[in-house]
Amino acid sequence: MADGVPFVAASVEAIDTWAAENGTAGDPPQVAGAFKTPYRDVEIEAFARTYTLWMVQRTLDAWAALSEPEREAVLAALDGTGWDATLALRPRHRLVKRGYQLAWQEG
């Protein structure tokens, strides 16, 4: 799991950067720019898909809804996986679903 965390974090950061530069009026693009990130022993270039931000938000929302004892249990289960870094992500922009489509959250 730890191998994928830098990829996820870089994707979220690229989407946040794109949204800050381009605004959040209208529908979000499926791809919000490209980014480079380490993956194991190489650097890869990939496209930042807004769906990744949506999925990270779902994880962070579930995390935020947990009680402190539940969070401790999750952290214990994730110990050594590197995934705790994903739980520390704080995206600046947020997506919502309207019907089946992603949309920028207003306000």
PDB file of N, CA and C in Angstrom:
ATOM      1  N   MET A   1       0.814  -1.198   0.000  1.00  0.00           N
ATOM      2  CA  MET A   1       0.000   0.000   0.000  1.00  0.00           C
ATOM      3  C   MET A   1       0.856   1.259   0.000  1.00  0.00           C
ATOM      4  N   ALA A   2       1.976   1.237   0.693  1.00  0.00           N
ATOM      5  CA  ALA A   2       2.806   2.433   0.818  1.00  0.00           C
ATOM      6  C   ALA A   2       3.321   2.909  -0.533  1.00  0.00           C
ATOM      7  N   ASP A   3       3.536   1.989  -1.474  1.00  0.00           N
ATOM      8  CA  ASP A   3       4.040   2.386  -2.795  1.00  0.00           C
ATOM      9  C   ASP A   3       3.080   3.332  -3.508  1.00  0.00           C
ATOM     10  N   GLY A   4       1.790   3.187  -3.270  1.00  0.00           N
ATOM     11  CA  GLY A   4       0.802   4.005  -3.964  1.00  0.00           C
ATOM     12  C   GLY A   4       0.498   5.334  -3.304  1.00  0.00           C
ATOM     13  N   VAL A   5       0.895   5.506  -2.051  1.00  0.00           N
ATOM     14  CA  VAL A   5       0.555   6.732  -1.317  1.00  0.00           C
ATOM     15  C   VAL A   5       1.132   7.982  -1.967  1.00  0.00           C
ATOM     16  N   PRO A   6       2.408   8.022  -2.368  1.00  0.00           N
ATOM     17  CA  PRO A   6       2.904   9.237  -3.034  1.00  0.00           C
ATOM     18  C   PRO A   6       2.142   9.558  -4.315  1.00  0.00           C
ATOM     19  N   PHE A   7       1.724   8.540  -5.039  1.00  0.00           N
ATOM     20  CA  PHE A   7       0.940   8.742  -6.258  1.00  0.00           C
ATOM     21  C   PHE A   7      -0.394   9.405  -5.937  1.00  0.00           C
ATOM     22  N   VAL A   8      -1.085   8.890  -4.934  1.00  0.00           N
ATOM     23  CA  VAL A   8      -2.378   9.447  -4.532  1.00  0.00           C
ATOM     24  C   VAL A   8      -2.202  10.882  -4.044  1.00  0.00           C
ATOM     25  N   ALA A   9      -1.210  11.112  -3.202  1.00  0.00           N
ATOM     26  CA  ALA A   9      -0.971  12.458  -2.661  1.00  0.00           C
ATOM     27  C   ALA A   9      -0.618  13.445  -3.771  1.00  0.00           C
ATOM     28  N   ALA A  10       0.221  13.037  -4.711  1.00  0.00           N
ATOM     29  CA  ALA A  10       0.596  13.924  -5.819  1.00  0.00           C
ATOM     30  C   ALA A  10      -0.599  14.213  -6.717  1.00  0.00           C
ATOM     31  N   SER A  11      -1.454  13.238  -6.900  1.00  0.00           N
ATOM     32  CA  SER A  11      -2.652  13.439  -7.713  1.00  0.00           C
ATOM     33  C   SER A  11      -3.585  14.456  -7.060  1.00  0.00           C
ATOM     34  N   VAL A  12      -3.815  14.311  -5.762  1.00  0.00           N
ATOM     35  CA  VAL A  12      -4.675  15.257  -5.037  1.00  0.00           C
ATOM     36  C   VAL A  12      -4.082  16.658  -5.101  1.00  0.00           C
ATOM     37  N   GLU A  13      -2.774  16.781  -4.916  1.00  0.00           N
ATOM     38  CA  GLU A  13      -2.120  18.094  -4.968  1.00  0.00           C
ATOM     39  C   GLU A  13      -2.243  18.705  -6.370  1.00  0.00           C
ATOM     40  N   ALA A  14      -2.091  17.887  -7.407  1.00  0.00           N
ATOM     41  CA  ALA A  14      -2.221  18.396  -8.778  1.00  0.00           C
ATOM     42  C   ALA A  14      -3.633  18.898  -9.050  1.00  0.00           C
ATOM     43  N   ILE A  15      -4.628  18.199  -8.538  1.00  0.00           N
ATOM     44  CA  ILE A  15      -6.018  18.628  -8.717  1.00  0.00           C
ATOM     45  C   ILE A  15      -6.257  19.933  -7.958  1.00  0.00           C
ATOM     46  N   ASP A  16      -5.754  20.017  -6.736  1.00  0.00           N
ATOM     47  CA  ASP A  16      -5.900  21.257  -5.967  1.00  0.00           C
ATOM     48  C   ASP A  16      -5.220  22.430  -6.671  1.00  0.00           C
ATOM     49  N   THR A  17      -4.050  22.190  -7.231  1.00  0.00           N
ATOM     50  CA  THR A  17      -3.334  23.247  -7.958  1.00  0.00           C
ATOM     51  C   THR A  17      -4.126  23.661  -9.193  1.00  0.00           C
ATOM     52  N   TRP A  18      -4.632  22.677  -9.934  1.00  0.00           N
ATOM     53  CA  TRP A  18      -5.417  22.980 -11.123  1.00  0.00           C
ATOM     54  C   TRP A  18      -6.641  23.812 -10.748  1.00  0.00           C
ATOM     55  N   ALA A  19      -7.352  23.413  -9.706  1.00  0.00           N
ATOM     56  CA  ALA A  19      -8.564  24.126  -9.291  1.00  0.00           C
ATOM     57  C   ALA A  19      -8.243  25.537  -8.832  1.00  0.00           C
ATOM     58  N   ALA A  20      -7.127  25.726  -8.137  1.00  0.00           N
ATOM     59  CA  ALA A  20      -6.736  27.062  -7.692  1.00  0.00           C
ATOM     60  C   ALA A  20      -6.416  27.964  -8.879  1.00  0.00           C
ATOM     61  N   GLU A  21      -5.837  27.409  -9.922  1.00  0.00           N
ATOM     62  CA  GLU A  21      -5.449  28.192 -11.100  1.00  0.00           C
ATOM     63  C   GLU A  21      -6.609  28.406 -12.076  1.00  0.00           C
ATOM     64  N   ASN A  22      -7.540  27.466 -12.136  1.00  0.00           N
ATOM     65  CA  ASN A  22      -8.595  27.500 -13.141  1.00  0.00           C
ATOM     66  C   ASN A  22      -9.981  27.762 -12.581  1.00  0.00           C
ATOM     67  N   GLY A  23     -10.104  27.750 -11.267  1.00  0.00           N
ATOM     68  CA  GLY A  23     -11.401  27.984 -10.643  1.00  0.00           C
ATOM     69  C   GLY A  23     -12.249  26.721 -10.621  1.00  0.00           C
ATOM     70  N   THR A  24     -13.339  26.827  -9.910  1.00  0.00           N
ATOM     71  CA  THR A  24     -14.220  25.670  -9.764  1.00  0.00           C
ATOM     72  C   THR A  24     -15.612  25.948 -10.311  1.00  0.00           C
ATOM     73  N   ALA A  25     -15.723  26.894 -11.230  1.00  0.00           N
ATOM     74  CA  ALA A  25     -16.998  27.128 -11.907  1.00  0.00           C
ATOM     75  C   ALA A  25     -17.187  26.038 -12.952  1.00  0.00           C
ATOM     76  N   GLY A  26     -18.383  25.582 -13.087  1.00  0.00           N
ATOM     77  CA  GLY A  26     -18.657  24.555 -14.082  1.00  0.00           C
ATOM     78  C   GLY A  26     -18.278  23.172 -13.599  1.00  0.00           C
ATOM     79  N   ASP A  27     -18.376  22.235 -14.502  1.00  0.00           N
ATOM     80  CA  ASP A  27     -18.070  20.850 -14.159  1.00  0.00           C
ATOM     81  C   ASP A  27     -16.564  20.640 -14.090  1.00  0.00           C
ATOM     82  N   PRO A  28     -16.111  19.809 -13.159  1.00  0.00           N
ATOM     83  CA  PRO A  28     -14.675  19.512 -13.123  1.00  0.00           C
ATOM     84  C   PRO A  28     -14.287  18.653 -14.322  1.00  0.00           C
ATOM     85  N   PRO A  29     -13.081  18.825 -14.812  1.00  0.00           N
ATOM     86  CA  PRO A  29     -12.638  17.962 -15.908  1.00  0.00           C
ATOM     87  C   PRO A  29     -12.362  16.555 -15.377  1.00  0.00           C
ATOM     88  N   GLN A  30     -12.391  15.588 -16.249  1.00  0.00           N
ATOM     89  CA  GLN A  30     -12.016  14.239 -15.821  1.00  0.00           C
ATOM     90  C   GLN A  30     -10.532  14.176 -15.486  1.00  0.00           C
ATOM     91  N   VAL A  31      -9.733  14.954 -16.211  1.00  0.00           N
ATOM     92  CA  VAL A  31      -8.290  15.007 -15.991  1.00  0.00           C
ATOM     93  C   VAL A  31      -7.912  16.451 -15.719  1.00  0.00           C
ATOM     94  N   ALA A  32      -7.243  16.671 -14.590  1.00  0.00           N
ATOM     95  CA  ALA A  32      -6.860  18.028 -14.186  1.00  0.00           C
ATOM     96  C   ALA A  32      -5.346  18.154 -14.173  1.00  0.00           C
ATOM     97  N   GLY A  33      -4.746  18.028 -15.321  1.00  0.00           N
ATOM     98  CA  GLY A  33      -3.317  18.197 -15.434  1.00  0.00           C
ATOM     99  C   GLY A  33      -2.541  16.909 -15.212  1.00  0.00           C
ATOM    100  N   ALA A  34      -1.231  17.051 -15.293  1.00  0.00           N
ATOM    101  CA  ALA A  34      -0.324  15.921 -15.118  1.00  0.00           C
ATOM    102  C   ALA A  34       0.595  16.210 -13.934  1.00  0.00           C
ATOM    103  N   PHE A  35       1.212  15.169 -13.432  1.00  0.00           N
ATOM    104  CA  PHE A  35       2.154  15.323 -12.323  1.00  0.00           C
ATOM    105  C   PHE A  35       3.209  14.233 -12.417  1.00  0.00           C
ATOM    106  N   LYS A  36       4.302  14.466 -11.723  1.00  0.00           N
ATOM    107  CA  LYS A  36       5.361  13.469 -11.608  1.00  0.00           C
ATOM    108  C   LYS A  36       5.479  13.083 -10.140  1.00  0.00           C
ATOM    109  N   THR A  37       5.758  11.813  -9.923  1.00  0.00           N
ATOM    110  CA  THR A  37       5.871  11.328  -8.553  1.00  0.00           C
ATOM    111  C   THR A  37       6.764  10.087  -8.532  1.00  0.00           C
ATOM    112  N   PRO A  38       7.447   9.870  -7.424  1.00  0.00           N
ATOM    113  CA  PRO A  38       8.225   8.624  -7.344  1.00  0.00           C
ATOM    114  C   PRO A  38       7.311   7.418  -7.183  1.00  0.00           C
ATOM    115  N   TYR A  39       7.718   6.348  -7.792  1.00  0.00           N
ATOM    116  CA  TYR A  39       7.049   5.060  -7.595  1.00  0.00           C
ATOM    117  C   TYR A  39       8.149   4.014  -7.542  1.00  0.00           C
ATOM    118  N   ARG A  40       8.331   3.480  -6.358  1.00  0.00           N
ATOM    119  CA  ARG A  40       9.425   2.551  -6.104  1.00  0.00           C
ATOM    120  C   ARG A  40      10.737   3.192  -6.518  1.00  0.00           C
ATOM    121  N   ASP A  41      11.427   2.659  -7.505  1.00  0.00           N
ATOM    122  CA  ASP A  41      12.754   3.172  -7.872  1.00  0.00           C
ATOM    123  C   ASP A  41      12.752   4.108  -9.071  1.00  0.00           C
ATOM    124  N   VAL A  42      11.576   4.502  -9.543  1.00  0.00           N
ATOM    125  CA  VAL A  42      11.512   5.353 -10.724  1.00  0.00           C
ATOM    126  C   VAL A  42      10.586   6.539 -10.474  1.00  0.00           C
ATOM    127  N   GLU A  43      10.704   7.534 -11.332  1.00  0.00           N
ATOM    128  CA  GLU A  43       9.752   8.638 -11.306  1.00  0.00           C
ATOM    129  C   GLU A  43       8.792   8.421 -12.463  1.00  0.00           C
ATOM    130  N   ILE A  44       7.506   8.534 -12.167  1.00  0.00           N
ATOM    131  CA  ILE A  44       6.512   8.351 -13.214  1.00  0.00           C
ATOM    132  C   ILE A  44       5.752   9.651 -13.431  1.00  0.00           C
ATOM    133  N   GLU A  45       5.219   9.797 -14.624  1.00  0.00           N
ATOM    134  CA  GLU A  45       4.352  10.916 -14.937  1.00  0.00           C
ATOM    135  C   GLU A  45       2.963  10.352 -15.204  1.00  0.00           C
ATOM    136  N   ALA A  46       1.969  10.993 -14.617  1.00  0.00           N
ATOM    137  CA  ALA A  46       0.601  10.498 -14.750  1.00  0.00           C
ATOM    138  C   ALA A  46      -0.362  11.671 -14.838  1.00  0.00           C
ATOM    139  N   PHE A  47      -1.583  11.373 -15.200  1.00  0.00           N
ATOM    140  CA  PHE A  47      -2.625  12.385 -15.236  1.00  0.00           C
ATOM    141  C   PHE A  47      -3.386  12.378 -13.922  1.00  0.00           C
ATOM    142  N   ALA A  48      -3.717  13.568 -13.430  1.00  0.00           N
ATOM    143  CA  ALA A  48      -4.495  13.712 -12.200  1.00  0.00           C
ATOM    144  C   ALA A  48      -5.970  13.606 -12.555  1.00  0.00           C
ATOM    145  N   ARG A  49      -6.575  12.550 -12.151  1.00  0.00           N
ATOM    146  CA  ARG A  49      -7.997  12.322 -12.428  1.00  0.00           C
ATOM    147  C   ARG A  49      -8.815  12.801 -11.238  1.00  0.00           C
ATOM    148  N   THR A  50      -9.823  13.600 -11.513  1.00  0.00           N
ATOM    149  CA  THR A  50     -10.626  14.149 -10.415  1.00  0.00           C
ATOM    150  C   THR A  50     -11.325  13.047  -9.634  1.00  0.00           C
ATOM    151  N   TYR A  51     -11.569  11.922 -10.253  1.00  0.00           N
ATOM    152  CA  TYR A  51     -12.192  10.802  -9.539  1.00  0.00           C
ATOM    153  C   TYR A  51     -11.312  10.355  -8.365  1.00  0.00           C
ATOM    154  N   THR A  52     -10.007  10.487  -8.500  1.00  0.00           N
ATOM    155  CA  THR A  52      -9.096  10.146  -7.398  1.00  0.00           C
ATOM    156  C   THR A  52      -9.387  11.021  -6.188  1.00  0.00           C
ATOM    157  N   LEU A  53      -9.589  12.313  -6.408  1.00  0.00           N
ATOM    158  CA  LEU A  53      -9.921  13.209  -5.295  1.00  0.00           C
ATOM    159  C   LEU A  53     -11.230  12.765  -4.651  1.00  0.00           C
ATOM    160  N   TRP A  54     -12.220  12.416  -5.452  1.00  0.00           N
ATOM    161  CA  TRP A  54     -13.505  11.954  -4.921  1.00  0.00           C
ATOM    162  C   TRP A  54     -13.306  10.734  -4.022  1.00  0.00           C
ATOM    163  N   MET A  55     -12.513   9.785  -4.464  1.00  0.00           N
ATOM    164  CA  MET A  55     -12.284   8.571  -3.674  1.00  0.00           C
ATOM    165  C   MET A  55     -11.494   8.872  -2.398  1.00  0.00           C
ATOM    166  N   VAL A  56     -10.524   9.765  -2.469  1.00  0.00           N
ATOM    167  CA  VAL A  56      -9.783  10.161  -1.266  1.00  0.00           C
ATOM    168  C   VAL A  56     -10.722  10.845  -0.281  1.00  0.00           C
ATOM    169  N   GLN A  57     -11.589  11.719  -0.792  1.00  0.00           N
ATOM    170  CA  GLN A  57     -12.560  12.385   0.089  1.00  0.00           C
ATOM    171  C   GLN A  57     -13.434  11.373   0.816  1.00  0.00           C
ATOM    172  N   ARG A  58     -13.867  10.342   0.129  1.00  0.00           N
ATOM    173  CA  ARG A  58     -14.712   9.327   0.763  1.00  0.00           C
ATOM    174  C   ARG A  58     -13.956   8.654   1.909  1.00  0.00           C
ATOM    175  N   THR A  59     -12.690   8.371   1.689  1.00  0.00           N
ATOM    176  CA  THR A  59     -11.861   7.779   2.741  1.00  0.00           C
ATOM    177  C   THR A  59     -11.713   8.736   3.908  1.00  0.00           C
ATOM    178  N   LEU A  60     -11.402   9.999   3.612  1.00  0.00           N
ATOM    179  CA  LEU A  60     -11.207  10.991   4.678  1.00  0.00           C
ATOM    180  C   LEU A  60     -12.507  11.272   5.430  1.00  0.00           C
ATOM    181  N   ASP A  61     -13.631  11.273   4.731  1.00  0.00           N
ATOM    182  CA  ASP A  61     -14.921  11.478   5.390  1.00  0.00           C
ATOM    183  C   ASP A  61     -15.237  10.319   6.344  1.00  0.00           C
ATOM    184  N   ALA A  62     -14.974   9.106   5.896  1.00  0.00           N
ATOM    185  CA  ALA A  62     -15.199   7.941   6.767  1.00  0.00           C
ATOM    186  C   ALA A  62     -14.276   8.008   7.982  1.00  0.00           C
ATOM    187  N   TRP A  63     -13.040   8.407   7.763  1.00  0.00           N
ATOM    188  CA  TRP A  63     -12.066   8.569   8.849  1.00  0.00           C
ATOM    189  C   TRP A  63     -12.551   9.616   9.852  1.00  0.00           C
ATOM    190  N   ALA A  64     -13.031  10.743   9.350  1.00  0.00           N
ATOM    191  CA  ALA A  64     -13.482  11.829  10.222  1.00  0.00           C
ATOM    192  C   ALA A  64     -14.699  11.419  11.049  1.00  0.00           C
ATOM    193  N   ALA A  65     -15.492  10.496  10.548  1.00  0.00           N
ATOM    194  CA  ALA A  65     -16.708  10.072  11.244  1.00  0.00           C
ATOM    195  C   ALA A  65     -16.421   9.079  12.378  1.00  0.00           C
ATOM    196  N   LEU A  66     -15.206   8.569  12.448  1.00  0.00           N
ATOM    197  CA  LEU A  66     -14.866   7.585  13.484  1.00  0.00           C
ATOM    198  C   LEU A  66     -14.652   8.240  14.845  1.00  0.00           C
ATOM    199  N   SER A  67     -14.947   7.492  15.868  1.00  0.00           N
ATOM    200  CA  SER A  67     -14.626   7.935  17.229  1.00  0.00           C
ATOM    201  C   SER A  67     -13.122   7.755  17.447  1.00  0.00           C
ATOM    202  N   GLU A  68     -12.611   8.339  18.490  1.00  0.00           N
ATOM    203  CA  GLU A  68     -11.177   8.218  18.772  1.00  0.00           C
ATOM    204  C   GLU A  68     -10.743   6.761  18.954  1.00  0.00           C
ATOM    205  N   PRO A  69     -11.485   5.938  19.709  1.00  0.00           N
ATOM    206  CA  PRO A  69     -11.089   4.528  19.811  1.00  0.00           C
ATOM    207  C   PRO A  69     -11.119   3.802  18.457  1.00  0.00           C
ATOM    208  N   GLU A  70     -12.079   4.153  17.620  1.00  0.00           N
ATOM    209  CA  GLU A  70     -12.144   3.541  16.292  1.00  0.00           C
ATOM    210  C   GLU A  70     -10.951   3.962  15.446  1.00  0.00           C
ATOM    211  N   ARG A  71     -10.560   5.225  15.544  1.00  0.00           N
ATOM    212  CA  ARG A  71      -9.384   5.696  14.802  1.00  0.00           C
ATOM    213  C   ARG A  71      -8.127   4.971  15.258  1.00  0.00           C
ATOM    214  N   GLU A  72      -7.990   4.785  16.557  1.00  0.00           N
ATOM    215  CA  GLU A  72      -6.825   4.071  17.084  1.00  0.00           C
ATOM    216  C   GLU A  72      -6.785   2.643  16.545  1.00  0.00           C
ATOM    217  N   ALA A  73      -7.938   2.003  16.453  1.00  0.00           N
ATOM    218  CA  ALA A  73      -8.002   0.641  15.911  1.00  0.00           C
ATOM    219  C   ALA A  73      -7.604   0.616  14.437  1.00  0.00           C
ATOM    220  N   VAL A  74      -8.073   1.614  13.680  1.00  0.00           N
ATOM    221  CA  VAL A  74      -7.714   1.692  12.258  1.00  0.00           C
ATOM    222  C   VAL A  74      -6.216   1.919  12.117  1.00  0.00           C
ATOM    223  N   LEU A  75      -5.670   2.855  12.880  1.00  0.00           N
ATOM    224  CA  LEU A  75      -4.231   3.119  12.802  1.00  0.00           C
ATOM    225  C   LEU A  75      -3.417   1.881  13.176  1.00  0.00           C
ATOM    226  N   ALA A  76      -3.884   1.126  14.162  1.00  0.00           N
ATOM    227  CA  ALA A  76      -3.187  -0.108  14.547  1.00  0.00           C
ATOM    228  C   ALA A  76      -3.219  -1.114  13.394  1.00  0.00           C
ATOM    229  N   ALA A  77      -4.364  -1.214  12.721  1.00  0.00           N
ATOM    230  CA  ALA A  77      -4.486  -2.143  11.597  1.00  0.00           C
ATOM    231  C   ALA A  77      -3.613  -1.711  10.416  1.00  0.00           C
ATOM    232  N   LEU A  78      -3.449  -0.406  10.244  1.00  0.00           N
ATOM    233  CA  LEU A  78      -2.667   0.115   9.125  1.00  0.00           C
ATOM    234  C   LEU A  78      -1.188   0.265   9.443  1.00  0.00           C
ATOM    235  N   ASP A  79      -0.802   0.019  10.670  1.00  0.00           N
ATOM    236  CA  ASP A  79       0.583   0.213  11.100  1.00  0.00           C
ATOM    237  C   ASP A  79       1.554  -0.516  10.165  1.00  0.00           C
ATOM    238  N   GLY A  80       2.505   0.234   9.654  1.00  0.00           N
ATOM    239  CA  GLY A  80       3.516  -0.335   8.773  1.00  0.00           C
ATOM    240  C   GLY A  80       3.143  -0.353   7.306  1.00  0.00           C
ATOM    241  N   THR A  81       1.923   0.042   6.963  1.00  0.00           N
ATOM    242  CA  THR A  81       1.504   0.018   5.561  1.00  0.00           C
ATOM    243  C   THR A  81       1.842   1.308   4.829  1.00  0.00           C
ATOM    244  N   GLY A  82       2.062   2.393   5.570  1.00  0.00           N
ATOM    245  CA  GLY A  82       2.301   3.692   4.948  1.00  0.00           C
ATOM    246  C   GLY A  82       1.025   4.432   4.596  1.00  0.00           C
ATOM    247  N   TRP A  83      -0.109   3.782   4.791  1.00  0.00           N
ATOM    248  CA  TRP A  83      -1.382   4.376   4.404  1.00  0.00           C
ATOM    249  C   TRP A  83      -1.808   5.506   5.332  1.00  0.00           C
ATOM    250  N   ASP A  84      -1.235   5.576   6.525  1.00  0.00           N
ATOM    251  CA  ASP A  84      -1.587   6.658   7.443  1.00  0.00           C
ATOM    252  C   ASP A  84      -1.300   8.027   6.830  1.00  0.00           C
ATOM    253  N   ALA A  85      -0.358   8.106   5.902  1.00  0.00           N
ATOM    254  CA  ALA A  85      -0.075   9.374   5.216  1.00  0.00           C
ATOM    255  C   ALA A  85      -1.270   9.823   4.380  1.00  0.00           C
ATOM    256  N   THR A  86      -2.034   8.900   3.857  1.00  0.00           N
ATOM    257  CA  THR A  86      -3.240   9.256   3.110  1.00  0.00           C
ATOM    258  C   THR A  86      -4.274   9.878   4.035  1.00  0.00           C
ATOM    259  N   LEU A  87      -4.368   9.364   5.250  1.00  0.00           N
ATOM    260  CA  LEU A  87      -5.324   9.917   6.212  1.00  0.00           C
ATOM    261  C   LEU A  87      -4.934  11.330   6.651  1.00  0.00           C
ATOM    262  N   ALA A  88      -3.698  11.713   6.418  1.00  0.00           N
ATOM    263  CA  ALA A  88      -3.235  13.056   6.777  1.00  0.00           C
ATOM    264  C   ALA A  88      -3.458  14.070   5.650  1.00  0.00           C
ATOM    265  N   LEU A  89      -3.893  13.623   4.488  1.00  0.00           N
ATOM    266  CA  LEU A  89      -4.137  14.543   3.373  1.00  0.00           C
ATOM    267  C   LEU A  89      -5.254  15.518   3.718  1.00  0.00           C
ATOM    268  N   ARG A  90      -5.114  16.749   3.282  1.00  0.00           N
ATOM    269  CA  ARG A  90      -6.132  17.778   3.496  1.00  0.00           C
ATOM    270  C   ARG A  90      -6.377  18.525   2.184  1.00  0.00           C
ATOM    271  N   PRO A  91      -7.160  17.934   1.276  1.00  0.00           N
ATOM    272  CA  PRO A  91      -7.449  18.606   0.002  1.00  0.00           C
ATOM    273  C   PRO A  91      -8.108  19.971   0.237  1.00  0.00           C
ATOM    274  N   ARG A  92      -7.731  20.941  -0.592  1.00  0.00           N
ATOM    275  CA  ARG A  92      -8.279  22.296  -0.458  1.00  0.00           C
ATOM    276  C   ARG A  92      -9.596  22.462  -1.218  1.00  0.00           C
ATOM    277  N   HIS A  93      -9.839  21.611  -2.178  1.00  0.00           N
ATOM    278  CA  HIS A  93     -11.060  21.680  -2.971  1.00  0.00           C
ATOM    279  C   HIS A  93     -11.824  20.387  -2.776  1.00  0.00           C
ATOM    280  N   ARG A  94     -13.126  20.474  -2.969  1.00  0.00           N
ATOM    281  CA  ARG A  94     -13.971  19.325  -2.662  1.00  0.00           C
ATOM    282  C   ARG A  94     -14.941  19.067  -3.810  1.00  0.00           C
ATOM    283  N   LEU A  95     -15.178  17.810  -4.055  1.00  0.00           N
ATOM    284  CA  LEU A  95     -16.140  17.383  -5.062  1.00  0.00           C
ATOM    285  C   LEU A  95     -17.369  16.798  -4.385  1.00  0.00           C
ATOM    286  N   VAL A  96     -18.503  16.917  -5.055  1.00  0.00           N
ATOM    287  CA  VAL A  96     -19.746  16.292  -4.613  1.00  0.00           C
ATOM    288  C   VAL A  96     -20.310  15.547  -5.821  1.00  0.00           C
ATOM    289  N   LYS A  97     -21.289  14.717  -5.563  1.00  0.00           N
ATOM    290  CA  LYS A  97     -21.968  14.037  -6.669  1.00  0.00           C
ATOM    291  C   LYS A  97     -23.328  14.672  -6.863  1.00  0.00           C
ATOM    292  N   ARG A  98     -23.627  14.990  -8.094  1.00  0.00           N
ATOM    293  CA  ARG A  98     -24.954  15.453  -8.488  1.00  0.00           C
ATOM    294  C   ARG A  98     -25.462  14.439  -9.497  1.00  0.00           C
ATOM    295  N   GLY A  99     -26.391  13.627  -9.042  1.00  0.00           N
ATOM    296  CA  GLY A  99     -26.790  12.486  -9.864  1.00  0.00           C
ATOM    297  C   GLY A  99     -25.602  11.547  -9.963  1.00  0.00           C
ATOM    298  N   TYR A 100     -25.180  11.299 -11.182  1.00  0.00           N
ATOM    299  CA  TYR A 100     -24.026  10.422 -11.403  1.00  0.00           C
ATOM    300  C   TYR A 100     -22.766  11.197 -11.761  1.00  0.00           C
ATOM    301  N   GLN A 101     -22.839  12.520 -11.706  1.00  0.00           N
ATOM    302  CA  GLN A 101     -21.723  13.355 -12.140  1.00  0.00           C
ATOM    303  C   GLN A 101     -21.015  13.992 -10.959  1.00  0.00           C
ATOM    304  N   LEU A 102     -19.690  14.086 -11.059  1.00  0.00           N
ATOM    305  CA  LEU A 102     -18.930  14.847 -10.069  1.00  0.00           C
ATOM    306  C   LEU A 102     -19.098  16.335 -10.350  1.00  0.00           C
ATOM    307  N   ALA A 103     -19.143  17.114  -9.277  1.00  0.00           N
ATOM    308  CA  ALA A 103     -19.253  18.561  -9.395  1.00  0.00           C
ATOM    309  C   ALA A 103     -18.442  19.182  -8.263  1.00  0.00           C
ATOM    310  N   TRP A 104     -17.961  20.383  -8.484  1.00  0.00           N
ATOM    311  CA  TRP A 104     -17.251  21.091  -7.420  1.00  0.00           C
ATOM    312  C   TRP A 104     -18.255  21.474  -6.348  1.00  0.00           C
ATOM    313  N   GLN A 105     -17.856  21.317  -5.119  1.00  0.00           N
ATOM    314  CA  GLN A 105     -18.719  21.768  -4.012  1.00  0.00           C
ATOM    315  C   GLN A 105     -18.682  23.289  -3.958  1.00  0.00           C
ATOM    316  N   GLU A 106     -19.829  23.875  -3.848  1.00  0.00           N
ATOM    317  CA  GLU A 106     -19.903  25.344  -3.777  1.00  0.00           C
ATOM    318  C   GLU A 106     -19.592  25.809  -2.364  1.00  0.00           C
ATOM    319  N   GLY A 107     -18.997  27.010  -2.304  1.00  0.00           N
ATOM    320  CA  GLY A 107     -18.724  27.632  -1.002  1.00  0.00           C
ATOM    321  C   GLY A 107     -17.598  27.021  -0.351  1.00  0.00           C
TER     322      GLY A 107
END
